């Protein structure tokens, strides 16, 4: 389909309604229509497997499903059936459900480096809980985050460090320090400079690049030597790197770790896991000052815990992590070949672990470009591919990958024209897409 003929009138109307009623027009900034070409931000009607349909009736192959949360594909039968079994049995009670212990047992069998787990509804809750536990356990005020990773929490200790820091007192932000990924010397210098002040190091153990050899083990040693905790944010790496996350793949055990996204296959569930002595600070069976730890009304909704249990079972019984890697490898090879064939192999760059692929769009000077990203996204959408990233789900088939690569090839042909003209403007169709974190609209 030619992008000049590709229109989304019903989605445009729905986006106007969204903006009139919901700040930002979405409940997650990364889902905002500013992340898509002007007037080409589909509003979704429904999804099944690797496909979604918008309110205009268009069908797309979807990547990055639910911000990486729907790794088994939409409406996965095992997950839906597990949820359906619980819906008529009640979702929330005045005392714990037996599902809480069953889900915990399944989780801890899958992530054996942890002794205890507590469930919540979103990633921000559990990363903030990890920070609170670290501060309570060490008696130290500061937290050190890896500054190369984009997001940890909606809470003040992190958001205050971003360009969207309005409303957050400087005194809170000053307690958060940053260290660079892969640089043990710089991290040791930070810990030495703030000796006795840092409660924890928190980072995604891996992202778009593999950790340097010995890096995670080196962080473990640094944390031990300086008396702080090591916290792995496994929102993305959990299940996608291995069933036990990056800690399971690389063999380095953190003190605390946080999981979410893939854990519920779209249902709202997250987890804080870690050492018994730390987790028990939020419990009843100790004599120390108690930590208020994840006391949430909906943290143990039965259908979400049933979904998590079904997801963990499906991953382990069906080898889902290996399938994600195989699909991603096929996709990456196809996209790279298509880009090279159109002469843009140095400008459309696929990066990351095969189970978590992203792409960079580079201009004629090989610099990251939001304008070229806009051009690329427009052409993919017209080709029936909704791809803010190339993060795969296990529902994708070989035929789906082939169709995606065909759409990429068509987009690359236009990309080549824009590079030759040294100006993508004629192919943008309006304003360029924007970064999520920015101070002004």
Protein backbone atom coordinates (compact mmCIF):
# COMPACT_ATOMS: atom_id res chain seq x y z
CA UNK A 1 0.00 0.00 0.00
CA UNK A 2 1.36 3.46 -0.87
CA UNK A 3 1.75 5.60 2.23
CA UNK A 4 0.14 8.49 0.36
CA UNK A 5 -3.05 6.41 0.24
CA UNK A 6 -2.72 5.03 3.75
CA UNK A 7 -5.11 6.82 6.08
CA UNK A 8 -6.42 6.08 9.56
CA UNK A 9 -9.47 8.34 9.95
CA UNK A 10 -11.12 6.38 12.77
CA UNK A 11 -7.84 6.10 14.65
CA UNK A 12 -7.34 9.85 14.27
CA UNK A 13 -10.78 10.48 15.75
CA UNK A 14 -10.10 8.05 18.58
CA UNK A 15 -6.75 9.74 19.28
CA UNK A 16 -8.52 13.09 19.61
CA UNK A 17 -10.94 11.55 22.12
CA UNK A 18 -8.02 10.02 24.00
CA UNK A 19 -6.21 13.36 24.28
CA UNK A 20 -9.41 15.09 25.43
CA UNK A 21 -9.84 12.70 28.34
CA UNK A 22 -6.42 11.20 29.17
CA UNK A 23 -3.25 13.31 29.70
CA UNK A 24 -0.87 12.40 26.89
CA UNK A 25 -3.54 10.42 25.06
CA UNK A 26 -2.32 7.10 26.50
CA UNK A 27 -1.63 5.48 29.84
CA UNK A 28 2.03 4.89 28.98
CA UNK A 29 4.17 7.59 27.36
CA UNK A 30 5.85 5.02 25.11
CA UNK A 31 2.42 4.29 23.59
CA UNK A 32 1.72 7.96 22.79
CA UNK A 33 0.83 9.08 19.28
CA UNK A 34 3.93 11.33 19.33
CA UNK A 35 5.94 8.10 19.01
CA UNK A 36 4.39 7.47 15.58
CA UNK A 37 4.22 9.42 12.31
CA UNK A 38 1.69 12.22 12.26
CA UNK A 39 -1.87 10.93 11.80
CA UNK A 40 -0.59 7.36 11.55
CA UNK A 41 -0.90 6.17 15.14
CA UNK A 42 -3.26 3.16 15.05
CA UNK A 43 -5.75 2.76 17.88
CA UNK A 44 -6.12 -0.96 18.51
CA UNK A 45 -9.39 -2.84 18.42
CA UNK A 46 -8.12 -6.33 19.30
CA UNK A 47 -5.27 -8.79 18.87
CA UNK A 48 -4.65 -12.49 18.45
CA UNK A 49 -1.30 -14.20 18.29
CA UNK A 50 1.19 -11.94 16.54
CA UNK A 51 -1.49 -9.81 14.86
CA UNK A 52 -3.48 -6.76 15.94
CA UNK A 53 -6.34 -4.94 14.24
CA UNK A 54 -6.98 -1.21 14.48
CA UNK A 55 -10.34 0.56 14.63
CA UNK A 56 -10.01 1.32 10.90
CA UNK A 57 -10.02 -2.41 10.14
CA UNK A 58 -6.34 -2.75 9.24
CA UNK A 59 -4.41 -5.82 10.35
CA UNK A 60 -0.77 -5.57 11.39
CA UNK A 61 2.03 -7.86 12.39
CA UNK A 62 2.94 -6.48 15.81
CA UNK A 63 6.40 -6.26 17.36
CA UNK A 64 7.28 -5.13 20.86
CA UNK A 65 3.83 -6.36 21.91
CA UNK A 66 2.54 -4.53 24.96
CA UNK A 67 5.95 -2.92 25.54
CA UNK A 68 7.55 -6.40 25.53
CA UNK A 69 4.98 -7.88 27.91
CA UNK A 70 3.04 -10.15 25.53
CA UNK A 71 5.87 -12.51 24.65
CA UNK A 72 3.60 -15.52 23.95
CA UNK A 73 1.29 -13.58 21.63
CA UNK A 74 -2.11 -12.10 22.29
CA UNK A 75 -4.84 -14.27 23.83
CA UNK A 76 -2.50 -17.23 24.28
CA UNK A 77 -4.71 -20.29 24.90
CA UNK A 78 -2.92 -21.62 28.00
CA UNK A 79 -2.89 -18.23 29.66
CA UNK A 80 -6.47 -17.36 28.73
CA UNK A 81 -7.72 -20.71 30.00
CA UNK A 82 -5.88 -20.30 33.31
CA UNK A 83 -7.40 -16.86 33.75
CA UNK A 84 -10.85 -18.02 32.71
CA UNK A 85 -10.80 -20.75 35.36
CA UNK A 86 -10.38 -18.13 38.07
CA UNK A 87 -12.71 -15.37 36.86
CA UNK A 88 -15.85 -17.02 38.22
CA UNK A 89 -14.13 -17.99 41.49
CA UNK A 90 -13.50 -14.46 42.73
CA UNK A 91 -10.50 -12.21 42.19
CA UNK A 92 -9.66 -10.69 45.58
CA UNK A 93 -10.32 -11.78 49.15
CA UNK A 94 -9.82 -10.54 52.71
CA UNK A 95 -7.18 -13.26 53.22
CA UNK A 96 -4.56 -14.73 50.86
CA UNK A 97 -5.69 -17.09 48.13
CA UNK A 98 -4.04 -20.47 47.77
CA UNK A 99 -2.94 -19.21 44.34
CA UNK A 100 -0.51 -16.87 46.08
CA UNK A 101 1.58 -19.71 47.44
CA UNK A 102 1.23 -21.76 44.25
CA UNK A 103 2.41 -18.83 42.11
CA UNK A 104 5.29 -18.17 44.51
CA UNK A 105 6.36 -21.82 44.42
CA UNK A 106 6.31 -21.83 40.61
CA UNK A 107 8.24 -18.56 40.41
CA UNK A 108 10.93 -19.64 42.86
CA UNK A 109 11.31 -22.98 41.09
CA UNK A 110 11.95 -21.01 37.89
CA UNK A 111 14.27 -18.41 39.48
CA UNK A 112 16.25 -20.54 41.97
CA UNK A 113 18.70 -17.75 42.87
CA UNK A 114 15.89 -16.15 44.95
CA UNK A 115 14.59 -17.39 48.31
CA UNK A 116 11.38 -15.37 48.54
CA UNK A 117 9.10 -13.42 46.21
CA UNK A 118 6.36 -10.83 46.56
CA UNK A 119 4.00 -9.94 43.73
CA UNK A 120 2.69 -6.54 42.66
CA UNK A 121 1.07 -5.02 39.58
CA UNK A 122 3.78 -3.05 37.77
CA UNK A 123 7.52 -2.73 37.46
CA UNK A 124 7.82 0.63 39.17
CA UNK A 125 6.35 -0.72 42.40
CA UNK A 126 8.87 -3.53 42.69
CA UNK A 127 11.97 -1.55 41.72
CA UNK A 128 11.05 1.09 44.28
CA UNK A 129 10.46 -1.67 46.85
CA UNK A 130 13.95 -3.00 46.09
CA UNK A 131 15.44 0.45 46.69
CA UNK A 132 13.55 0.79 49.98
CA UNK A 133 14.72 -2.62 51.17
CA UNK A 134 18.30 -1.77 50.24
CA UNK A 135 18.17 1.48 52.18
CA UNK A 136 16.62 -0.25 55.19
CA UNK A 137 19.12 -3.12 55.14
CA UNK A 138 22.19 -0.92 54.81
CA UNK A 139 21.08 2.23 56.62
CA UNK A 140 22.40 4.22 53.66
CA UNK A 141 20.53 7.00 51.78
CA UNK A 142 21.88 6.92 48.22
CA UNK A 143 21.01 4.68 45.28
CA UNK A 144 23.27 4.26 42.25
CA UNK A 145 21.56 3.56 38.93
CA UNK A 146 23.13 2.57 35.64
CA UNK A 147 22.70 5.76 33.63
CA UNK A 148 22.89 3.96 30.29
CA UNK A 149 19.53 2.25 30.81
CA UNK A 150 16.39 4.21 29.96
CA UNK A 151 13.83 3.45 32.66
CA UNK A 152 13.52 2.04 36.16
CA UNK A 153 10.45 3.50 37.85
CA UNK A 154 7.79 6.18 37.77
CA UNK A 155 8.80 7.11 41.30
CA UNK A 156 10.74 10.21 42.30
CA UNK A 157 14.09 8.53 43.00
CA UNK A 158 14.40 7.79 39.27
CA UNK A 159 12.16 10.22 37.36
CA UNK A 160 13.94 13.11 39.04
CA UNK A 161 17.04 12.18 37.03
CA UNK A 162 15.24 12.49 33.66
CA UNK A 163 14.29 15.58 31.62
CA UNK A 164 10.71 15.13 32.94
CA UNK A 165 11.63 16.03 36.52
CA UNK A 166 8.94 18.67 37.08
CA UNK A 167 7.31 18.30 40.49
CA UNK A 168 10.20 16.40 42.10
CA UNK A 169 12.23 18.13 44.85
CA UNK A 170 15.93 18.43 44.14
CA UNK A 171 16.70 16.95 47.55
CA UNK A 172 15.30 13.62 46.39
CA UNK A 173 17.12 13.65 43.06
CA UNK A 174 20.42 14.41 44.76
CA UNK A 175 20.26 11.02 46.48
CA UNK A 176 20.41 9.20 43.14
CA UNK A 177 23.82 8.69 41.54
CA UNK A 178 24.65 7.20 38.14
CA UNK A 179 27.33 4.84 36.89
CA UNK A 180 28.15 3.77 33.30
CA UNK A 181 27.41 0.26 32.04
CA UNK A 182 30.42 -1.96 31.52
CA UNK A 183 32.89 0.26 33.38
CA UNK A 184 33.90 -1.32 36.68
CA UNK A 185 36.62 1.25 37.37
CA UNK A 186 34.15 4.15 37.13
CA UNK A 187 31.70 2.34 39.39
CA UNK A 188 34.40 1.65 41.98
CA UNK A 189 35.41 5.31 41.87
CA UNK A 190 31.78 6.30 42.53
CA UNK A 191 31.49 3.93 45.47
CA UNK A 192 34.80 5.15 46.88
CA UNK A 193 33.83 8.81 46.49
CA UNK A 194 30.54 8.13 48.32
CA UNK A 195 31.97 5.57 50.70
CA UNK A 196 29.39 4.28 53.17
CA UNK A 197 26.53 6.18 51.48
CA UNK A 198 25.35 3.93 48.63
CA UNK A 199 22.61 1.45 49.52
CA UNK A 200 22.54 -0.38 46.20
CA UNK A 201 23.63 -0.61 42.61
CA UNK A 202 20.61 -1.12 40.34
CA UNK A 203 20.82 -1.93 36.65
CA UNK A 204 19.44 -3.98 33.82
CA UNK A 205 21.97 -6.82 33.72
CA UNK A 206 21.93 -6.75 29.91
CA UNK A 207 20.19 -4.71 27.21
CA UNK A 208 21.05 -4.12 23.58
CA UNK A 209 24.62 -5.31 24.11
CA UNK A 210 25.99 -8.31 25.95
CA UNK A 211 27.72 -7.53 29.26
CA UNK A 212 31.51 -7.44 28.89
CA UNK A 213 33.23 -10.63 30.10
CA UNK A 214 33.40 -10.63 33.87
CA UNK A 215 31.38 -7.43 34.23
CA UNK A 216 28.42 -8.73 36.22
CA UNK A 217 30.68 -10.82 38.44
CA UNK A 218 32.82 -7.72 38.93
CA UNK A 219 29.78 -5.73 40.04
CA UNK A 220 28.92 -8.52 42.46
CA UNK A 221 32.41 -8.29 43.97
CA UNK A 222 32.27 -4.47 44.14
CA UNK A 223 28.92 -4.49 45.89
CA UNK A 224 30.15 -7.03 48.43
CA UNK A 225 33.36 -5.14 49.09
CA UNK A 226 31.62 -1.78 49.53
CA UNK A 227 28.75 -3.17 51.60
CA UNK A 228 25.92 -2.30 49.22
CA UNK A 229 23.32 -4.49 47.54
CA UNK A 230 23.28 -5.56 43.89
CA UNK A 231 19.83 -5.26 42.30
CA UNK A 232 19.01 -6.61 38.84
CA UNK A 233 16.07 -5.01 37.03
CA UNK A 234 14.92 -8.01 34.98
CA UNK A 235 11.77 -6.43 33.54
CA UNK A 236 13.07 -7.04 30.02
CA UNK A 237 15.61 -9.81 30.53
CA UNK A 238 13.32 -11.91 32.72
CA UNK A 239 12.19 -14.97 30.70
CA UNK A 240 13.55 -13.46 27.44
CA UNK A 241 17.22 -14.16 28.28
CA UNK A 242 16.49 -17.45 30.01
CA UNK A 243 13.57 -18.75 32.02
CA UNK A 244 15.43 -17.44 35.08
CA UNK A 245 16.38 -14.19 33.39
CA UNK A 246 19.85 -12.76 32.88
CA UNK A 247 20.95 -14.01 36.30
CA UNK A 248 20.18 -17.53 35.16
CA UNK A 249 22.01 -17.09 31.85
CA UNK A 250 25.14 -15.38 33.16
CA UNK A 251 25.35 -17.17 36.51
CA UNK A 252 25.58 -14.10 38.74
CA UNK A 253 23.12 -13.93 41.64
CA UNK A 254 21.92 -10.47 42.72
CA UNK A 255 20.73 -9.70 46.23
CA UNK A 256 17.37 -8.57 44.88
CA UNK A 257 15.79 -8.73 41.44
CA UNK A 258 12.60 -7.47 39.84
CA UNK A 259 10.48 -9.10 37.15
CA UNK A 260 7.41 -8.09 35.14
CA UNK A 261 6.42 -7.65 31.49
CA UNK A 262 6.66 -11.20 30.08
CA UNK A 263 5.69 -12.65 33.46
CA UNK A 264 1.97 -12.04 32.87
CA UNK A 265 1.72 -12.11 29.05
CA UNK A 266 -0.25 -8.88 29.20
CA UNK A 267 -1.89 -9.37 32.57
CA UNK A 268 -0.78 -7.01 35.33
CA UNK A 269 1.76 -8.78 37.52
CA UNK A 270 5.30 -8.04 38.65
CA UNK A 271 7.61 -9.56 41.21
CA UNK A 272 10.29 -8.60 43.71
CA UNK A 273 12.54 -11.55 44.53
CA UNK A 274 15.65 -11.99 46.59
CA UNK A 275 17.53 -13.20 49.63
CA UNK A 276 15.44 -14.35 52.56
CA UNK A 277 17.15 -12.09 55.12
CA UNK A 278 16.39 -9.03 53.00
CA UNK A 279 12.86 -9.94 51.96
CA UNK A 280 11.92 -10.85 55.55
CA UNK A 281 12.51 -7.22 56.55
CA UNK A 282 9.08 -6.66 55.02
CA UNK A 283 7.63 -9.61 56.89
CA UNK A 284 6.47 -10.46 60.41
CA UNK A 285 9.10 -12.91 61.62
CA UNK A 286 12.01 -10.70 62.70
CA UNK A 287 12.85 -8.28 65.50
CA UNK A 288 14.24 -5.38 63.41
CA UNK A 289 12.36 -2.25 62.33
CA UNK A 290 9.76 -3.31 59.80
CA UNK A 291 9.82 -2.21 56.18
CA UNK A 292 6.50 -1.37 54.52
CA UNK A 293 6.88 -3.72 51.58
CA UNK A 294 4.40 -3.93 48.70
CA UNK A 295 1.16 -3.87 50.65
CA UNK A 296 -1.18 -3.44 47.68
CA UNK A 297 -4.89 -4.10 47.34
CA UNK A 298 -4.61 -5.74 43.94
CA UNK A 299 -1.14 -7.25 44.11
CA UNK A 300 -2.47 -10.78 44.41
CA UNK A 301 -5.49 -10.74 42.11
CA UNK A 302 -6.15 -14.39 41.40
CA UNK A 303 -6.45 -14.15 37.63
CA UNK A 304 -3.11 -12.31 37.30
CA UNK A 305 -1.32 -14.88 39.44
CA UNK A 306 -2.97 -17.65 37.42
CA UNK A 307 -1.68 -15.97 34.28
CA UNK A 308 1.86 -15.76 35.70
CA UNK A 309 1.80 -19.42 36.70
CA UNK A 310 0.60 -20.41 33.23
CA UNK A 311 3.29 -18.26 31.59
CA UNK A 312 6.09 -19.80 33.69
CA UNK A 313 4.79 -23.29 32.99
CA UNK A 314 4.53 -22.62 29.26
CA UNK A 315 8.05 -21.22 29.08
CA UNK A 316 9.59 -24.19 30.83
CA UNK A 317 7.52 -26.92 29.15
CA UNK A 318 7.56 -25.52 25.60
CA UNK A 319 11.05 -24.00 25.43
CA UNK A 320 9.73 -20.53 24.69
CA UNK A 321 12.98 -18.67 25.35
CA UNK A 322 14.79 -20.77 22.74
CA UNK A 323 11.96 -20.16 20.29
CA UNK A 324 12.15 -16.40 20.83
CA UNK A 325 15.86 -16.50 20.03
CA UNK A 326 15.33 -18.59 16.89
CA UNK A 327 12.60 -16.27 15.59
CA UNK A 328 14.69 -13.21 16.38
CA UNK A 329 17.73 -14.61 14.60
CA UNK A 330 15.67 -15.26 11.47
CA UNK A 331 14.19 -11.76 11.60
CA UNK A 332 17.54 -10.03 12.20
CA UNK A 333 19.16 -11.87 9.31
CA UNK A 334 16.26 -11.00 7.00
CA UNK A 335 16.19 -7.32 7.92
CA UNK A 336 19.95 -6.97 7.58
CA UNK A 337 19.89 -8.66 4.18
CA UNK A 338 17.02 -6.47 2.98
CA UNK A 339 18.74 -3.30 4.17
CA UNK A 340 22.05 -4.31 2.57
CA UNK A 341 20.28 -5.21 -0.67
CA UNK A 342 18.81 -1.71 -0.88
CA UNK A 343 22.10 -0.05 -0.01
CA UNK A 344 21.10 1.12 3.47
CA UNK A 345 22.78 -1.55 5.56
CA UNK A 346 24.85 1.09 7.36
CA UNK A 347 21.78 3.19 8.11
CA UNK A 348 19.14 0.73 9.33
CA UNK A 349 20.95 -1.15 12.05
CA UNK A 350 19.47 -4.07 14.00
CA UNK A 351 20.86 -4.44 17.50
CA UNK A 352 20.36 -6.47 20.63
CA UNK A 353 19.89 -10.02 21.73
CA UNK A 354 17.81 -12.04 19.27
CA UNK A 355 14.92 -12.22 21.74
CA UNK A 356 14.96 -8.43 22.23
CA UNK A 357 15.82 -6.74 18.93
CA UNK A 358 15.71 -3.01 18.41
CA UNK A 359 16.68 -0.94 15.38
CA UNK A 360 18.50 2.33 14.84
CA UNK A 361 17.74 4.69 11.97
CA UNK A 362 20.80 6.67 10.91
CA UNK A 363 21.02 9.66 8.59
CA UNK A 364 23.44 10.31 5.74
CA UNK A 365 26.14 11.09 8.33
CA UNK A 366 25.31 7.85 10.20
CA UNK A 367 23.89 9.73 13.15
CA UNK A 368 20.65 8.69 14.89
CA UNK A 369 17.73 10.46 13.28
CA UNK A 370 14.11 10.82 14.39
CA UNK A 371 13.26 12.03 10.87
CA UNK A 372 14.54 8.85 9.25
CA UNK A 373 12.82 6.81 11.96
CA UNK A 374 9.57 8.53 10.97
CA UNK A 375 10.06 7.65 7.32
CA UNK A 376 10.82 4.02 8.20
CA UNK A 377 7.82 3.66 10.52
CA UNK A 378 5.46 5.19 7.94
CA UNK A 379 6.51 2.67 5.32
CA UNK A 380 6.29 -0.26 7.71
CA UNK A 381 2.78 0.74 8.79
CA UNK A 382 1.68 0.98 5.17
CA UNK A 383 3.10 -2.52 4.69
CA UNK A 384 1.06 -3.88 7.58
CA UNK A 385 3.86 -3.98 10.16
CA UNK A 386 3.51 -2.19 13.51
CA UNK A 387 7.07 -2.11 14.79
CA UNK A 388 8.35 0.47 17.27
CA UNK A 389 11.04 -2.20 17.77
CA UNK A 390 11.71 -5.68 16.37
CA UNK A 391 11.08 -7.43 19.70
CA UNK A 392 9.46 -10.75 18.78
CA UNK A 393 6.75 -12.89 20.32
CA UNK A 394 6.65 -16.66 20.11
CA UNK A 395 3.42 -16.44 18.07
CA UNK A 396 5.30 -15.26 14.96
CA UNK A 397 5.59 -17.79 12.13
CA UNK A 398 8.17 -18.10 9.36
CA UNK A 399 5.59 -16.64 6.98
CA UNK A 400 5.14 -13.65 9.30
CA UNK A 401 8.88 -13.04 9.31
CA UNK A 402 9.02 -13.26 5.51
CA UNK A 403 6.18 -10.75 5.23
CA UNK A 404 7.96 -8.43 7.66
CA UNK A 405 11.18 -8.61 5.68
CA UNK A 406 9.28 -7.77 2.47
CA UNK A 407 7.83 -4.67 4.16
CA UNK A 408 11.29 -3.72 5.41
CA UNK A 409 12.71 -4.04 1.89
CA UNK A 410 10.04 -1.69 0.53
CA UNK A 411 10.77 0.79 3.32
CA UNK A 412 14.49 0.54 2.61
CA UNK A 413 13.95 1.46 -1.04
CA UNK A 414 12.38 4.75 0.03
CA UNK A 415 15.05 5.21 2.71
CA UNK A 416 17.68 5.01 -0.03
CA UNK A 417 15.93 7.77 -2.00
CA UNK A 418 15.90 10.00 1.07
CA UNK A 419 19.59 9.37 1.71
CA UNK A 420 20.43 10.20 -1.89
CA UNK A 421 18.51 13.45 -1.52
CA UNK A 422 20.14 14.05 1.88
CA UNK A 423 16.68 15.09 3.05
CA UNK A 424 13.90 12.81 4.34
CA UNK A 425 11.37 15.65 4.63
CA UNK A 426 9.35 14.81 1.48
CA UNK A 427 8.65 11.35 2.88
CA UNK A 428 7.68 12.28 6.45
CA UNK A 429 4.06 13.30 5.96
CA UNK A 430 4.27 15.74 8.89
CA UNK A 431 6.28 16.23 12.06
CA UNK A 432 8.91 13.72 13.09
CA UNK A 433 8.40 11.24 15.93
CA UNK A 434 9.70 12.45 19.27
CA UNK A 435 11.74 10.99 22.12
CA UNK A 436 9.71 9.90 25.16
CA UNK A 437 11.80 11.78 27.70
CA UNK A 438 11.82 15.47 26.84
CA UNK A 439 11.26 18.57 28.96
CA UNK A 440 8.73 20.31 26.70
CA UNK A 441 6.13 19.07 24.20
